[in-house]
PDB file of N, CA and C in Angstrom:
ATOM      1  N   MET A   1      73.378  70.512 109.749  1.00  0.00           N
ATOM      2  CA  MET A   1      73.551  71.717 109.109  1.00  0.00           C
ATOM      3  C   MET A   1      74.778  71.615 107.974  1.00  0.00           C
ATOM      4  N   ALA A   2      74.010  71.448 106.828  1.00  0.00           N
ATOM      5  CA  ALA A   2      75.160  71.746 105.515  1.00  0.00           C
ATOM      6  C   ALA A   2      75.738  73.197 105.276  1.00  0.00           C
ATOM      7  N   GLY A   3      77.171  73.605 104.833  1.00  0.00           N
ATOM      8  CA  GLY A   3      77.553  74.783 104.652  1.00  0.00           C
ATOM      9  C   GLY A   3      77.123  75.597 103.160  1.00  0.00           C
ATOM     10  N   ARG A   4      77.912  76.045 103.325  1.00  0.00           N
ATOM     11  CA  ARG A   4      77.441  77.097 101.994  1.00  0.00           C
ATOM     12  C   ARG A   4      78.109  75.953 100.634  1.00  0.00           C
ATOM     13  N   PRO A   5      78.177  75.648  99.569  1.00  0.00           N
ATOM     14  CA  PRO A   5      78.086  75.258  98.645  1.00  0.00           C
ATOM     15  C   PRO A   5      79.888  75.624  98.141  1.00  0.00           C
ATOM     16  N   ALA A   6      80.926  74.954  97.362  1.00  0.00           N
ATOM     17  CA  ALA A   6      81.754  75.681  97.245  1.00  0.00           C
ATOM     18  C   ALA A   6      81.810  76.930  96.233  1.00  0.00           C
ATOM     19  N   LYS A   7      82.187  78.145  96.345  1.00  0.00           N
ATOM     20  CA  LYS A   7      82.686  78.628  95.241  1.00  0.00           C
ATOM     21  C   LYS A   7      83.312  78.589  93.628  1.00  0.00           C
ATOM     22  N   GLU A   8      81.773  78.394  92.551  1.00  0.00           N
ATOM     23  CA  GLU A   8      83.160  78.405  91.229  1.00  0.00           C
ATOM     24  C   GLU A   8      83.343  79.676  90.610  1.00  0.00           C
ATOM     25  N   PHE A   9      84.506  79.112  90.051  1.00  0.00           N
ATOM     26  CA  PHE A   9      84.841  80.320  89.393  1.00  0.00           C
ATOM     27  C   PHE A   9      84.554  79.866  87.881  1.00  0.00           C
ATOM     28  N   THR A  10      84.272  81.247  86.792  1.00  0.00           N
ATOM     29  CA  THR A  10      84.543  80.993  85.246  1.00  0.00           C
ATOM     30  C   THR A  10      85.740  80.691  85.295  1.00  0.00           C
ATOM     31  N   GLU A  11      85.927  80.059  83.717  1.00  0.00           N
ATOM     32  CA  GLU A  11      87.256  80.456  83.460  1.00  0.00           C
ATOM     33  C   GLU A  11      88.668  82.102  83.237  1.00  0.00           C
ATOM     34  N   GLU A  12      87.189  82.878  82.831  1.00  0.00           N
ATOM     35  CA  GLU A  12      87.679  83.991  83.176  1.00  0.00           C
ATOM     36  C   GLU A  12      87.916  84.340  83.970  1.00  0.00           C
ATOM     37  N   GLN A  13      87.432  84.175  85.560  1.00  0.00           N
ATOM     38  CA  GLN A  13      87.910  84.761  86.685  1.00  0.00           C
ATOM     39  C   GLN A  13      89.206  83.976  87.382  1.00  0.00           C
ATOM     40  N   LYS A  14      89.245  82.444  86.474  1.00  0.00           N
ATOM     41  CA  LYS A  14      90.268  81.718  87.477  1.00  0.00           C
ATOM     42  C   LYS A  14      91.444  82.581  86.578  1.00  0.00           C
ATOM     43  N   GLU A  15      91.499  82.867  85.087  1.00  0.00           N
ATOM     44  CA  GLU A  15      92.634  83.339  84.602  1.00  0.00           C
ATOM     45  C   GLU A  15      92.547  85.156  85.470  1.00  0.00           C
ATOM     46  N   THR A  16      91.876  85.900  85.766  1.00  0.00           N
ATOM     47  CA  THR A  16      92.506  87.177  86.149  1.00  0.00           C
ATOM     48  C   THR A  16      92.801  86.394  87.935  1.00  0.00           C
ATOM     49  N   ILE A  17      92.444  85.817  88.472  1.00  0.00           N
ATOM     50  CA  ILE A  17      93.229  84.695  89.309  1.00  0.00           C
ATOM     51  C   ILE A  17      95.115  84.878  89.273  1.00  0.00           C
ATOM     52  N   ILE A  18      95.093  83.602  88.262  1.00  0.00           N
ATOM     53  CA  ILE A  18      95.948  83.474  88.169  1.00  0.00           C
ATOM     54  C   ILE A  18      97.205  84.563  87.616  1.00  0.00           C
ATOM     55  N   LYS A  19      96.573  85.341  87.164  1.00  0.00           N
ATOM     56  CA  LYS A  19      97.280  86.855  86.200  1.00  0.00           C
ATOM     57  C   LYS A  19      97.469  87.287  87.488  1.00  0.00           C
ATOM     58  N   LEU A  20      97.062  87.695  88.057  1.00  0.00           N
ATOM     59  CA  LEU A  20      97.191  89.011  89.128  1.00  0.00           C
ATOM     60  C   LEU A  20      98.273  87.672  90.416  1.00  0.00           C
ATOM     61  N   SER A  21      98.373  86.856  90.559  1.00  0.00           N
ATOM     62  CA  SER A  21      99.187  85.926  91.338  1.00  0.00           C
ATOM     63  C   SER A  21     100.342  86.006  90.429  1.00  0.00           C
ATOM     64  N   GLU A  22     100.734  86.128  88.842  1.00  0.00           N
ATOM     65  CA  GLU A  22     102.257  86.415  88.221  1.00  0.00           C
ATOM     66  C   GLU A  22     102.482  87.258  88.688  1.00  0.00           C
ATOM     67  N   LEU A  23     101.762  88.884  89.057  1.00  0.00           N
ATOM     68  CA  LEU A  23     102.099  89.818  89.561  1.00  0.00           C
ATOM     69  C   LEU A  23     102.850  89.652  90.700  1.00  0.00           C
ATOM     70  N   PHE A  24     102.276  88.315  91.566  1.00  0.00           N
ATOM     71  CA  PHE A  24     102.580  87.949  93.005  1.00  0.00           C
ATOM     72  C   PHE A  24     101.818  89.681  93.776  1.00  0.00           C
ATOM     73  N   ALA A  25     100.807  89.157  93.196  1.00  0.00           N
ATOM     74  CA  ALA A  25     100.029  90.522  94.225  1.00  0.00           C
ATOM     75  C   ALA A  25      98.909  89.532  95.399  1.00  0.00           C
ATOM     76  N   SER A  26      99.046  89.754  96.657  1.00  0.00           N
ATOM     77  CA  SER A  26      98.930  89.377  97.417  1.00  0.00           C
ATOM     78  C   SER A  26      97.093  88.976  97.923  1.00  0.00           C
ATOM     79  N   GLU A  27      97.038  87.843  98.761  1.00  0.00           N
ATOM     80  CA  GLU A  27      95.862  87.142  98.507  1.00  0.00           C
ATOM     81  C   GLU A  27      94.436  88.360  98.787  1.00  0.00           C
ATOM     82  N   THR A  28      94.996  89.401  99.917  1.00  0.00           N
ATOM     83  CA  THR A  28      94.125  90.716 100.445  1.00  0.00           C
ATOM     84  C   THR A  28      93.951  91.674  99.111  1.00  0.00           C
ATOM     85  N   GLU A  29      94.997  92.053  97.935  1.00  0.00           N
ATOM     86  CA  GLU A  29      94.275  92.861  97.009  1.00  0.00           C
ATOM     87  C   GLU A  29      94.148  91.625  95.914  1.00  0.00           C
ATOM     88  N   ILE A  30      94.020  90.281  95.648  1.00  0.00           N
ATOM     89  CA  ILE A  30      93.308  89.569  94.576  1.00  0.00           C
ATOM     90  C   ILE A  30      91.618  88.846  95.021  1.00  0.00           C
ATOM     91  N   ALA A  31      91.667  88.933  96.519  1.00  0.00           N
ATOM     92  CA  ALA A  31      90.395  88.658  96.956  1.00  0.00           C
ATOM     93  C   ALA A  31      89.252  90.130  96.640  1.00  0.00           C
ATOM     94  N   TYR A  32      90.264  91.334  97.352  1.00  0.00           N
ATOM     95  CA  TYR A  32      89.547  92.987  96.696  1.00  0.00           C
ATOM     96  C   TYR A  32      89.098  93.292  95.572  1.00  0.00           C
ATOM     97  N   VAL A  33      89.869  92.843  94.439  1.00  0.00           N
ATOM     98  CA  VAL A  33      89.733  92.515  92.398  1.00  0.00           C
ATOM     99  C   VAL A  33      88.288  91.544  92.669  1.00  0.00           C
ATOM    100  N   MET A  34      88.492  90.466  93.319  1.00  0.00           N
ATOM    101  CA  MET A  34      87.952  89.636  92.877  1.00  0.00           C
ATOM    102  C   MET A  34      86.238  89.621  93.346  1.00  0.00           C
ATOM    103  N   GLY A  35      86.554  90.134  94.720  1.00  0.00           N
ATOM    104  CA  GLY A  35      85.473  90.706  95.322  1.00  0.00           C
ATOM    105  C   GLY A  35      84.287  89.515  96.055  1.00  0.00           C
ATOM    106  N   ILE A  36      85.497  89.000  96.313  1.00  0.00           N
ATOM    107  CA  ILE A  36      85.437  87.750  97.784  1.00  0.00           C
ATOM    108  C   ILE A  36      86.514  88.002  98.701  1.00  0.00           C
ATOM    109  N   ASN A  37      85.892  87.068  99.811  1.00  0.00           N
ATOM    110  CA  ASN A  37      86.950  87.047 101.086  1.00  0.00           C
ATOM    111  C   ASN A  37      88.074  86.319 101.014  1.00  0.00           C
ATOM    112  N   ARG A  38      89.361  86.459 101.505  1.00  0.00           N
ATOM    113  CA  ARG A  38      90.256  85.736 101.007  1.00  0.00           C
ATOM    114  C   ARG A  38      90.139  84.053 101.882  1.00  0.00           C
ATOM    115  N   SER A  39      89.799  83.863 102.456  1.00  0.00           N
ATOM    116  CA  SER A  39      89.263  82.603 102.902  1.00  0.00           C
ATOM    117  C   SER A  39      88.533  81.921 101.272  1.00  0.00           C
ATOM    118  N   THR A  40      87.388  82.413 100.914  1.00  0.00           N
ATOM    119  CA  THR A  40      87.210  82.088  99.900  1.00  0.00           C
ATOM    120  C   THR A  40      88.168  81.874  98.588  1.00  0.00           C
ATOM    121  N   LEU A  41      88.744  82.709  98.532  1.00  0.00           N
ATOM    122  CA  LEU A  41      90.322  82.921  97.630  1.00  0.00           C
ATOM    123  C   LEU A  41      90.793  81.613  98.097  1.00  0.00           C
ATOM    124  N   ARG A  42      91.558  81.265  99.854  1.00  0.00           N
ATOM    125  CA  ARG A  42      92.467  79.880  99.976  1.00  0.00           C
ATOM    126  C   ARG A  42      92.068  79.115  99.574  1.00  0.00           C
ATOM    127  N   LYS A  43      90.715  78.477  99.326  1.00  0.00           N
ATOM    128  CA  LYS A  43      89.960  77.519  98.554  1.00  0.00           C
ATOM    129  C   LYS A  43      90.702  77.131  97.218  1.00  0.00           C
ATOM    130  N   HIS A  44      91.257  78.006  96.763  1.00  0.00           N
ATOM    131  CA  HIS A  44      91.138  77.812  95.351  1.00  0.00           C
ATOM    132  C   HIS A  44      93.346  78.143  95.600  1.00  0.00           C
ATOM    133  N   SER A  45      93.851  77.631  96.242  1.00  0.00           N
ATOM    134  CA  SER A  45      95.151  78.391  96.627  1.00  0.00           C
ATOM    135  C   SER A  45      95.487  77.636  95.628  1.00  0.00           C
ATOM    136  N   HIS A  46      95.496  76.430  94.656  1.00  0.00           N
ATOM    137  CA  HIS A  46      95.921  76.214  93.438  1.00  0.00           C
ATOM    138  C   HIS A  46      96.069  77.439  91.831  1.00  0.00           C
ATOM    139  N   LEU A  47      94.925  77.943  92.322  1.00  0.00           N
ATOM    140  CA  LEU A  47      95.438  78.971  91.061  1.00  0.00           C
ATOM    141  C   LEU A  47      96.061  80.047  91.105  1.00  0.00           C
ATOM    142  N   MET A  48      96.797  80.951  92.816  1.00  0.00           N
ATOM    143  CA  MET A  48      97.682  81.227  93.051  1.00  0.00           C
ATOM    144  C   MET A  48      98.722  80.822  92.553  1.00  0.00           C
ATOM    145  N   GLU A  49      99.155  79.601  93.065  1.00  0.00           N
ATOM    146  CA  GLU A  49     100.162  78.620  92.915  1.00  0.00           C
ATOM    147  C   GLU A  49     100.761  78.763  91.597  1.00  0.00           C
ATOM    148  N   ALA A  50      99.326  78.338  90.254  1.00  0.00           N
ATOM    149  CA  ALA A  50     100.170  78.310  88.838  1.00  0.00           C
ATOM    150  C   ALA A  50     100.432  79.507  88.775  1.00  0.00           C
ATOM    151  N   GLY A  51      99.618  81.032  89.010  1.00  0.00           N
ATOM    152  CA  GLY A  51     100.605  82.163  88.454  1.00  0.00           C
ATOM    153  C   GLY A  51     101.209  82.671  88.972  1.00  0.00           C
ATOM    154  N   LYS A  52     102.473  82.273  90.572  1.00  0.00           N
ATOM    155  CA  LYS A  52     103.586  82.723  91.191  1.00  0.00           C
ATOM    156  C   LYS A  52     104.535  81.218  90.391  1.00  0.00           C
ATOM    157  N   ALA A  53     104.085  80.231  89.923  1.00  0.00           N
ATOM    158  CA  ALA A  53     104.899  79.289  88.995  1.00  0.00           C
ATOM    159  C   ALA A  53     105.391  79.953  87.801  1.00  0.00           C
ATOM    160  N   LYS A  54     104.445  80.445  87.372  1.00  0.00           N
ATOM    161  CA  LYS A  54     104.922  80.889  85.797  1.00  0.00           C
ATOM    162  C   LYS A  54     105.175  82.345  85.924  1.00  0.00           C
ATOM    163  N   ALA A  55     105.250  82.971  86.417  1.00  0.00           N
ATOM    164  CA  ALA A  55     105.797  84.685  87.078  1.00  0.00           C
ATOM    165  C   ALA A  55     107.603  84.088  87.270  1.00  0.00           C
ATOM    166  N   LYS A  56     107.946  82.662  88.505  1.00  0.00           N
ATOM    167  CA  LYS A  56     109.216  82.241  88.487  1.00  0.00           C
ATOM    168  C   LYS A  56     109.796  81.921  87.145  1.00  0.00           C
ATOM    169  N   ILE A  57     109.317  81.060  86.363  1.00  0.00           N
ATOM    170  CA  ILE A  57     109.437  81.033  85.117  1.00  0.00           C
ATOM    171  C   ILE A  57     110.063  81.789  84.078  1.00  0.00           C
ATOM    172  N   LYS A  58     109.157  83.364  84.297  1.00  0.00           N
ATOM    173  CA  LYS A  58     108.891  84.482  83.315  1.00  0.00           C
ATOM    174  C   LYS A  58     110.409  84.755  83.688  1.00  0.00           C
ATOM    175  N   LEU A  59     110.468  85.082  85.223  1.00  0.00           N
ATOM    176  CA  LEU A  59     111.911  85.795  85.621  1.00  0.00           C
ATOM    177  C   LEU A  59     113.351  84.737  85.097  1.00  0.00           C
ATOM    178  N   ARG A  60     113.256  83.606  85.760  1.00  0.00           N
ATOM    179  CA  ARG A  60     114.375  82.501  84.822  1.00  0.00           C
ATOM    180  C   ARG A  60     114.549  82.913  83.968  1.00  0.00           C
ATOM    181  N   ARG A  61     113.455  82.759  83.214  1.00  0.00           N
ATOM    182  CA  ARG A  61     113.934  82.848  82.241  1.00  0.00           C
ATOM    183  C   ARG A  61     114.603  84.703  81.410  1.00  0.00           C
ATOM    184  N   ALA A  62     114.184  85.173  82.069  1.00  0.00           N
ATOM    185  CA  ALA A  62     114.582  86.947  81.892  1.00  0.00           C
ATOM    186  C   ALA A  62     115.998  87.214  82.155  1.00  0.00           C
ATOM    187  N   GLN A  63     116.443  86.123  83.445  1.00  0.00           N
ATOM    188  CA  GLN A  63     117.596  86.262  83.631  1.00  0.00           C
ATOM    189  C   GLN A  63     118.653  85.199  83.010  1.00  0.00           C
ATOM    190  N   MET A  64     118.199  84.488  82.489  1.00  0.00           N
ATOM    191  CA  MET A  64     118.939  83.471  81.525  1.00  0.00           C
ATOM    192  C   MET A  64     119.695  84.244  80.527  1.00  0.00           C
ATOM    193  N   GLU A  65     118.174  84.796  79.651  1.00  0.00           N
ATOM    194  CA  GLU A  65     118.756  85.584  78.349  1.00  0.00           C
ATOM    195  C   GLU A  65     119.568  86.738  79.081  1.00  0.00           C
ATOM    196  N   LYS A  66     119.889  87.466  80.029  1.00  0.00           N
ATOM    197  CA  LYS A  66     120.545  88.785  79.885  1.00  0.00           C
ATOM    198  C   LYS A  66     121.737  87.828  80.215  1.00  0.00           C
ATOM    199  N   ALA A  67     121.640  86.953  81.407  1.00  0.00           N
ATOM    200  CA  ALA A  67     123.426  86.490  81.355  1.00  0.00           C
ATOM    201  C   ALA A  67     124.494  86.087  79.934  1.00  0.00           C
ATOM    202  N   LEU A  68     123.082  85.511  78.872  1.00  0.00           N
ATOM    203  CA  LEU A  68     123.591  85.032  77.930  1.00  0.00           C
ATOM    204  C   LEU A  68     123.523  86.132  76.555  1.00  0.00           C
ATOM    205  N   GLU A  69     123.527  87.049  77.176  1.00  0.00           N
ATOM    206  CA  GLU A  69     123.743  88.332  76.384  1.00  0.00           C
ATOM    207  C   GLU A  69     125.044  88.730  76.818  1.00  0.00           C
ATOM    208  N   GLY A  70     125.605  88.423  78.283  1.00  0.00           N
ATOM    209  CA  GLY A  70     126.952  88.871  77.870  1.00  0.00           C
ATOM    210  C   GLY A  70     126.676  89.793  79.704  1.00  0.00           C
ATOM    211  N   ASN A  71     126.071  89.822  80.188  1.00  0.00           N
ATOM    212  CA  ASN A  71     125.580  90.349  81.270  1.00  0.00           C
ATOM    213  C   ASN A  71     126.677  90.305  82.449  1.00  0.00           C
ATOM    214  N   PRO A  72     127.887  89.821  82.580  1.00  0.00           N
ATOM    215  CA  PRO A  72     128.553  90.071  83.570  1.00  0.00           C
ATOM    216  C   PRO A  72     128.028  89.781  85.017  1.00  0.00           C
ATOM    217  N   THR A  73     127.329  90.499  85.101  1.00  0.00           N
ATOM    218  CA  THR A  73     126.521  90.803  86.886  1.00  0.00           C
ATOM    219  C   THR A  73     125.594  89.330  87.395  1.00  0.00           C
ATOM    220  N   MET A  74     124.602  89.061  85.966  1.00  0.00           N
ATOM    221  CA  MET A  74     124.068  88.172  86.073  1.00  0.00           C
ATOM    222  C   MET A  74     124.921  86.888  85.176  1.00  0.00           C
ATOM    223  N   LEU A  75     126.041  86.850  85.025  1.00  0.00           N
ATOM    224  CA  LEU A  75     126.432  85.502  84.391  1.00  0.00           C
ATOM    225  C   LEU A  75     127.295  85.218  86.025  1.00  0.00           C
ATOM    226  N   ILE A  76     127.596  86.470  86.378  1.00  0.00           N
ATOM    227  CA  ILE A  76     128.314  85.846  88.230  1.00  0.00           C
ATOM    228  C   ILE A  76     127.306  84.817  89.271  1.00  0.00           C
ATOM    229  N   TRP A  77     126.182  85.821  89.096  1.00  0.00           N
ATOM    230  CA  TRP A  77     125.287  85.312  89.746  1.00  0.00           C
ATOM    231  C   TRP A  77     124.413  84.108  89.786  1.00  0.00           C
ATOM    232  N   LEU A  78     124.245  83.926  88.618  1.00  0.00           N
ATOM    233  CA  LEU A  78     123.454  82.508  87.966  1.00  0.00           C
ATOM    234  C   LEU A  78     124.573  81.432  88.068  1.00  0.00           C
ATOM    235  N   GLY A  79     126.208  82.081  87.958  1.00  0.00           N
ATOM    236  CA  GLY A  79     126.795  80.803  87.884  1.00  0.00           C
ATOM    237  C   GLY A  79     126.923  80.488  89.742  1.00  0.00           C
ATOM    238  N   LYS A  80     126.359  81.283  90.399  1.00  0.00           N
ATOM    239  CA  LYS A  80     127.295  81.157  91.826  1.00  0.00           C
ATOM    240  C   LYS A  80     125.606  79.897  92.383  1.00  0.00           C
ATOM    241  N   GLN A  81     124.551  80.983  92.148  1.00  0.00           N
ATOM    242  CA  GLN A  81     122.865  80.266  92.209  1.00  0.00           C
ATOM    243  C   GLN A  81     123.198  78.357  91.439  1.00  0.00           C
ATOM    244  N   MET A  82     123.236  78.737  90.416  1.00  0.00           N
ATOM    245  CA  MET A  82     123.253  77.234  90.090  1.00  0.00           C
ATOM    246  C   MET A  82     123.941  76.306  89.415  1.00  0.00           C
ATOM    247  N   LEU A  83     125.211  76.863  89.448  1.00  0.00           N
ATOM    248  CA  LEU A  83     126.498  76.061  89.272  1.00  0.00           C
ATOM    249  C   LEU A  83     126.714  75.848  90.408  1.00  0.00           C
ATOM    250  N   GLY A  84     127.287  76.135  91.607  1.00  0.00           N
ATOM    251  CA  GLY A  84     128.133  76.073  92.917  1.00  0.00           C
ATOM    252  C   GLY A  84     129.113  77.105  92.835  1.00  0.00           C
ATOM    253  N   GLN A  85     128.549  78.048  92.542  1.00  0.00           N
ATOM    254  CA  GLN A  85     130.653  78.407  91.826  1.00  0.00           C
ATOM    255  C   GLN A  85     130.554  79.619  93.197  1.00  0.00           C
ATOM    256  N   SER A  86     132.069  80.169  93.115  1.00  0.00           N
ATOM    257  CA  SER A  86     131.724  81.362  94.856  1.00  0.00           C
ATOM    258  C   SER A  86     133.036  82.319  94.615  1.00  0.00           C
ATOM    259  N   ASP A  87     133.354  82.937  94.916  1.00  0.00           N
ATOM    260  CA  ASP A  87     133.776  84.212  95.003  1.00  0.00           C
ATOM    261  C   ASP A  87     135.645  83.389  94.826  1.00  0.00           C
ATOM    262  N   ASN A  88     135.747  82.169  95.976  1.00  0.00           N
ATOM    263  CA  ASN A  88     136.766  82.004  96.087  1.00  0.00           C
ATOM    264  C   ASN A  88     137.233  80.393  95.866  1.00  0.00           C
ATOM    265  N   PRO A  89     137.270  80.445  94.638  1.00  0.00           N
ATOM    266  CA  PRO A  89     137.443  78.840  94.874  1.00  0.00           C
ATOM    267  C   PRO A  89     138.581  78.472  95.270  1.00  0.00           C
ATOM    268  N   GLY A  90     138.773  77.236  95.631  1.00  0.00           N
ATOM    269  CA  GLY A  90     140.352  76.721  95.707  1.00  0.00           C
ATOM    270  C   GLY A  90     139.875  74.787  95.853  1.00  0.00           C
ATOM    271  N   ASP A  91     141.150  74.019  95.709  1.00  0.00           N
ATOM    272  CA  ASP A  91     141.340  73.206  95.662  1.00  0.00           C
ATOM    273  C   ASP A  91     140.290  72.281  97.034  1.00  0.00           C
ATOM    274  N   GLU A  92     139.649  71.770  96.488  1.00  0.00           N
ATOM    275  CA  GLU A  92     138.730  70.814  98.120  1.00  0.00           C
ATOM    276  C   GLU A  92     139.966  70.208  98.959  1.00  0.00           C
ATOM    277  N   ASP A  93     141.669  69.689  98.118  1.00  0.00           N
ATOM    278  CA  ASP A  93     142.867  68.841  99.054  1.00  0.00           C
ATOM    279  C   ASP A  93     143.864  70.504  99.943  1.00  0.00           C
ATOM    280  N   SER A  94     143.000  71.711  99.596  1.00  0.00           N
ATOM    281  CA  SER A  94     144.083  72.801 100.381  1.00  0.00           C
ATOM    282  C   SER A  94     143.230  73.105 101.317  1.00  0.00           C
ATOM    283  N   ASN A  95     141.635  72.661 101.588  1.00  0.00           N
ATOM    284  CA  ASN A  95     141.452  72.662 103.098  1.00  0.00           C
ATOM    285  C   ASN A  95     142.099  71.532 103.823  1.00  0.00           C
ATOM    286  N   ILE A  96     142.644  70.814 103.526  1.00  0.00           N
ATOM    287  CA  ILE A  96     142.737  69.692 104.953  1.00  0.00           C
ATOM    288  C   ILE A  96     143.840  69.676 105.703  1.00  0.00           C
ATOM    289  N   ILE A  97     143.849  69.472 106.887  1.00  0.00           N
ATOM    290  CA  ILE A  97     144.535  70.120 107.780  1.00  0.00           C
ATOM    291  C   ILE A  97     145.719  68.953 107.671  1.00  0.00           C
ATOM    292  N   LEU A  98     146.742  69.225 107.590  1.00  0.00           N
ATOM    293  CA  LEU A  98     147.984  68.293 107.676  1.00  0.00           C
ATOM    294  C   LEU A  98     148.611  68.198 109.013  1.00  0.00           C
ATOM    295  N   PRO A  99     148.852  66.942 108.978  1.00  0.00           N
ATOM    296  CA  PRO A  99     148.931  66.669 110.439  1.00  0.00           C
ATOM    297  C   PRO A  99     150.265  67.691 110.884  1.00  0.00           C
ATOM    298  N   TRP A 100     150.873  67.332 112.319  1.00  0.00           N
ATOM    299  CA  TRP A 100     151.860  68.275 112.943  1.00  0.00           C
ATOM    300  C   TRP A 100     153.206  66.756 113.119  1.00  0.00           C
ATOM    301  N   GLU A 101     154.091  67.367 112.479  1.00  0.00           N
ATOM    302  CA  GLU A 101     155.531  66.209 112.610  1.00  0.00           C
ATOM    303  C   GLU A 101     156.378  67.126 113.180  1.00  0.00           C
ATOM    304  N   THR A 102     157.156  66.721 114.201  1.00  0.00           N
ATOM    305  CA  THR A 102     157.919  67.114 114.799  1.00  0.00           C
ATOM    306  C   THR A 102     159.148  66.206 115.276  1.00  0.00           C
ATOM    307  N   GLU A 103     160.621  66.792 114.811  1.00  0.00           N
ATOM    308  CA  GLU A 103     161.695  66.109 115.225  1.00  0.00           C
ATOM    309  C   GLU A 103     162.647  66.375 115.873  1.00  0.00           C
TER     310      GLU A 103
END
């Protein structure tokens, strides 16, 4: 007994799924808008992944633009996240325990 053939989306429907995913819409919300079951949507998870990836790139770009405009909060946050900077910079050698000497 063969199962149903896989649902094929038009290019317009694929773009709708990608755009909804760019807004980080849930599977339930996307399935509702598309008029399909979540299980059907999951078979096309690559479309949702593409939308979320596009959204993340847009967010990164916006964060970088704010930082480069001189926004101190974004400069500090990106420095910590992307450059490994911290509020407590210190020389690596200053964290080494020195030997105990008695005379």
